[in-house]
Amino acid sequence: MSAEGEDKGHARRFNMNDARARAEQALRKSEFILSRAYGLFRDPREEWRQIKAEETTVPNIMVGYVAPLAAIPPICDLIGSTLFNSMLSLDPASAVVRGVVTWVVSIALVFLLGLLVNTLADNFDGDRDDLSAQKVAAYALTPAFLSGVFSLWPPLWWLSLIALAAMVFLMYRGLPILMKAPEDRALGYAATVTIAAMVAGIVLFTLASCVT
């Protein structure tokens, strides 16, 4: 075999190994996300304790957890709109751009929510902690992101309201553990953050709509 042929063979094997490694990494990441979501729904108090003990960084949370979940609503919306023929008057390229902008805005909203959780900690007798606040924001929004699957069939949009209630409940369970807020003040803390997040979300998505 010529040297050129050997080089091509090595390159082909390298590409296959690289693709296999990437696939395994994606599988592990999806398993982690599913396990985390299941744990939050099954036993939120215990799952929040595990989250508190995890050594991680804000970028890792955003890239490894928030970004994949934040892609669910725009992708499902794109598929649902296509299936129900509501995109006939919309240019496909514009629809993709809208989806990407929605994804980016969703990630930004989670980060802003974390800042808000940290800023309001003093008002509810909690302790400020940047990383813990971002954990609360990222993992409490899990139901909201997963509810994006309802966009596959637009008439089910109202089920997202259940996801909003689940988000408040998860935040209520997580704030005493991660932000050390008193139990009797955690519900007000969670409600305040949620209302502020809804207002911020409306503003951000309105601006995103103007862009797209």
Protein backbone atom coordinates (compact mmCIF):
# COMPACT_ATOMS: atom_id res chain seq x y z
CA MET A 1 0.00 0.00 0.00
CA SER A 2 1.31 3.47 -0.89
CA ALA A 3 2.03 6.12 1.72
CA GLU A 4 -0.88 8.15 0.38
CA GLY A 5 -3.23 5.19 0.78
CA GLU A 6 -2.04 4.61 4.34
CA ASP A 7 -2.61 8.27 5.18
CA LYS A 8 -6.16 8.09 3.81
CA GLY A 9 -6.80 4.93 5.80
CA HIS A 10 -5.54 6.53 9.01
CA ALA A 11 -7.63 9.64 8.36
CA ARG A 12 -10.74 7.55 7.73
CA ARG A 13 -10.23 5.57 10.96
CA PHE A 14 -9.59 8.80 12.86
CA ASN A 15 -12.82 10.32 11.53
CA MET A 16 -14.78 7.20 12.49
CA ASN A 17 -13.29 7.17 15.99
CA ASP A 18 -13.99 10.88 16.36
CA ALA A 19 -17.61 10.44 15.23
CA ARG A 20 -18.04 7.50 17.62
CA ALA A 21 -16.61 9.54 20.51
CA ARG A 22 -18.95 12.42 19.73
CA ALA A 23 -21.94 10.10 19.58
CA GLU A 24 -21.04 8.55 22.93
CA GLN A 25 -20.59 12.00 24.46
CA ALA A 26 -24.00 13.11 23.14
CA LEU A 27 -25.58 9.93 24.53
CA ARG A 28 -24.07 10.51 27.97
CA LYS A 29 -25.27 14.12 27.93
CA SER A 30 -28.81 13.11 26.97
CA GLU A 31 -28.84 10.44 29.69
CA PHE A 32 -27.74 13.03 32.25
CA ILE A 33 -30.46 15.48 31.17
CA LEU A 34 -33.17 12.81 31.31
CA SER A 35 -31.91 11.57 34.69
CA ARG A 36 -31.87 15.11 36.10
CA ALA A 37 -35.37 15.88 34.81
CA TYR A 38 -36.72 12.60 36.19
CA GLY A 39 -35.07 13.23 39.57
CA LEU A 40 -36.58 16.71 39.82
CA PHE A 41 -40.07 15.36 39.19
CA ARG A 42 -39.68 12.21 41.32
CA ASP A 43 -38.03 13.65 44.44
CA PRO A 44 -37.22 17.37 44.02
CA ARG A 45 -35.85 17.86 47.53
CA GLU A 46 -33.28 15.06 47.17
CA GLU A 47 -32.39 16.12 43.63
CA TRP A 48 -31.78 19.70 44.77
CA ARG A 49 -29.42 18.39 47.44
CA GLN A 50 -27.46 16.53 44.78
CA ILE A 51 -27.43 19.65 42.61
CA LYS A 52 -26.09 21.73 45.48
CA ALA A 53 -23.23 19.26 46.06
CA GLU A 54 -22.18 19.14 42.39
CA GLU A 55 -18.96 20.90 41.47
CA THR A 56 -19.54 22.69 38.18
CA THR A 57 -19.44 26.12 36.57
CA VAL A 58 -22.04 28.43 35.10
CA PRO A 59 -20.75 27.89 31.50
CA ASN A 60 -20.96 24.12 31.97
CA ILE A 61 -24.58 24.40 33.13
CA MET A 62 -25.51 26.67 30.25
CA VAL A 63 -23.80 24.62 27.55
CA GLY A 64 -24.36 21.14 28.94
CA TYR A 65 -27.92 21.44 30.24
CA VAL A 66 -29.71 24.66 29.33
CA ALA A 67 -28.70 24.85 25.65
CA PRO A 68 -29.98 21.35 24.70
CA LEU A 69 -33.25 21.81 26.61
CA ALA A 70 -33.78 25.32 25.26
CA ALA A 71 -33.68 23.86 21.74
CA ILE A 72 -36.80 21.74 22.38
CA PRO A 73 -39.47 24.50 22.12
CA PRO A 74 -38.25 26.13 18.86
CA ILE A 75 -37.64 22.76 17.17
CA CYS A 76 -41.05 21.41 18.18
CA ASP A 77 -42.69 24.69 17.17
CA LEU A 78 -41.05 24.48 13.75
CA ILE A 79 -42.22 20.90 13.28
CA GLY A 80 -45.73 21.61 14.58
CA SER A 81 -46.13 24.68 12.39
CA THR A 82 -45.04 22.69 9.36
CA LEU A 83 -47.41 19.81 10.08
CA PHE A 84 -50.38 22.14 10.54
CA ASN A 85 -49.54 24.17 7.43
CA SER A 86 -49.32 27.48 9.27
CA MET A 87 -45.92 28.16 7.74
CA LEU A 88 -47.19 28.37 4.17
CA SER A 89 -47.02 32.16 4.32
CA LEU A 90 -43.64 32.14 6.11
CA ASP A 91 -40.32 31.80 4.36
CA PRO A 92 -38.50 28.66 5.62
CA ALA A 93 -35.28 30.59 6.10
CA SER A 94 -37.11 33.13 8.26
CA ALA A 95 -38.62 30.31 10.30
CA VAL A 96 -35.17 28.86 10.98
CA VAL A 97 -33.81 32.27 11.94
CA ARG A 98 -36.76 32.76 14.28
CA GLY A 99 -36.04 29.40 15.89
CA VAL A 100 -32.36 30.20 16.41
CA VAL A 101 -33.17 33.62 17.88
CA THR A 102 -35.74 32.04 20.21
CA TRP A 103 -33.13 29.50 21.34
CA VAL A 104 -30.53 32.19 22.08
CA VAL A 105 -33.07 34.39 23.89
CA SER A 106 -34.17 31.42 26.01
CA ILE A 107 -30.60 30.78 27.14
CA ALA A 108 -30.14 34.48 27.91
CA LEU A 109 -33.38 34.45 29.89
CA VAL A 110 -32.11 31.61 32.08
CA PHE A 111 -28.93 33.54 32.81
CA LEU A 112 -30.89 36.70 33.65
CA LEU A 113 -33.17 34.65 35.87
CA GLY A 114 -30.12 33.40 37.77
CA LEU A 115 -28.97 36.98 38.29
CA LEU A 116 -32.42 37.85 39.57
CA VAL A 117 -32.49 34.91 41.99
CA ASN A 118 -29.17 36.05 43.39
CA THR A 119 -30.16 39.73 43.58
CA LEU A 120 -33.42 39.01 45.46
CA ALA A 121 -31.80 36.64 47.98
CA ASP A 122 -31.30 39.40 50.56
CA ASN A 123 -34.96 40.41 50.36
CA PHE A 124 -36.06 36.93 51.40
CA ASP A 125 -33.40 36.29 54.07
CA GLY A 126 -31.37 34.06 51.76
CA ASP A 127 -27.64 33.96 51.04
CA ARG A 128 -26.22 35.29 47.80
CA ASP A 129 -24.36 32.73 45.72
CA ASP A 130 -23.85 33.21 41.97
CA LEU A 131 -23.42 29.52 41.11
CA SER A 132 -26.31 28.34 43.29
CA ALA A 133 -28.58 31.00 41.79
CA GLN A 134 -27.75 29.88 38.27
CA LYS A 135 -28.41 26.27 39.29
CA VAL A 136 -31.86 27.26 40.58
CA ALA A 137 -32.66 29.11 37.36
CA ALA A 138 -31.41 26.38 35.03
CA TYR A 139 -32.95 23.35 36.70
CA ALA A 140 -36.22 24.96 37.83
CA LEU A 141 -36.99 25.85 34.21
CA THR A 142 -36.79 22.20 33.16
CA PRO A 143 -40.62 21.79 33.00
CA ALA A 144 -40.95 24.93 30.87
CA PHE A 145 -38.46 23.65 28.31
CA LEU A 146 -39.90 20.14 28.24
CA SER A 147 -43.39 21.56 27.72
CA GLY A 148 -42.14 22.70 24.33
CA VAL A 149 -43.13 19.26 22.99
CA PHE A 150 -46.75 20.41 23.19
CA SER A 151 -45.97 22.72 20.27
CA LEU A 152 -46.00 19.64 18.07
CA TRP A 153 -49.80 19.90 18.32
CA PRO A 154 -50.74 23.60 18.80
CA PRO A 155 -54.16 22.93 20.45
CA LEU A 156 -52.25 21.58 23.47
CA TRP A 157 -50.59 24.93 24.20
CA TRP A 158 -52.58 25.34 27.44
CA LEU A 159 -50.70 22.43 29.01
CA SER A 160 -47.73 24.81 29.28
CA LEU A 161 -49.57 26.42 32.20
CA ILE A 162 -49.03 23.19 34.13
CA ALA A 163 -45.33 23.48 33.35
CA LEU A 164 -45.35 27.01 34.79
CA ALA A 165 -46.87 25.73 38.03
CA ALA A 166 -44.29 22.93 38.14
CA MET A 167 -41.51 25.49 37.68
CA VAL A 168 -42.74 27.51 40.67
CA PHE A 169 -42.96 24.34 42.74
CA LEU A 170 -39.42 23.25 41.85
CA MET A 171 -38.08 26.70 42.64
CA TYR A 172 -39.97 26.68 45.93
CA ARG A 173 -38.27 23.38 46.83
CA GLY A 174 -34.84 24.47 45.64
CA LEU A 175 -34.49 27.96 47.11
CA PRO A 176 -34.23 26.85 50.77
CA ILE A 177 -31.52 24.32 49.85
CA LEU A 178 -29.40 26.32 47.42
CA MET A 179 -30.04 29.92 48.51
CA LYS A 180 -30.72 29.08 52.19
CA ALA A 181 -33.99 30.99 52.17
CA PRO A 182 -36.34 30.19 55.09
CA GLU A 183 -39.08 27.71 54.21
CA ASP A 184 -41.83 30.18 55.09
CA ARG A 185 -40.41 32.75 52.65
CA ALA A 186 -39.49 30.40 49.82
CA LEU A 187 -42.92 30.47 48.14
CA GLY A 188 -42.98 34.28 47.99
CA TYR A 189 -39.39 34.21 46.74
CA ALA A 190 -40.29 31.75 43.98
CA ALA A 191 -43.44 33.67 43.00
CA THR A 192 -41.58 36.98 42.80
CA VAL A 193 -38.83 35.50 40.64
CA THR A 194 -41.37 33.81 38.37
CA ILE A 195 -43.40 36.99 37.81
CA ALA A 196 -40.24 38.98 37.09
CA ALA A 197 -39.04 36.23 34.72
CA MET A 198 -42.36 36.31 32.85
CA VAL A 199 -42.11 40.07 32.39
CA ALA A 200 -38.48 39.78 31.25
CA GLY A 201 -39.43 36.95 28.90
CA ILE A 202 -42.21 38.98 27.29
CA VAL A 203 -39.83 41.89 26.74
CA LEU A 204 -37.02 39.72 25.34
CA PHE A 205 -39.24 37.69 23.03
CA THR A 206 -40.98 40.84 21.82
CA LEU A 207 -37.60 42.31 20.90
CA ALA A 208 -36.66 39.02 19.26
CA SER A 209 -39.86 39.14 17.19
CA CYS A 210 -38.95 42.63 16.02
CA VAL A 211 -35.54 41.34 14.92
CA THR A 212 -36.97 38.36 13.03
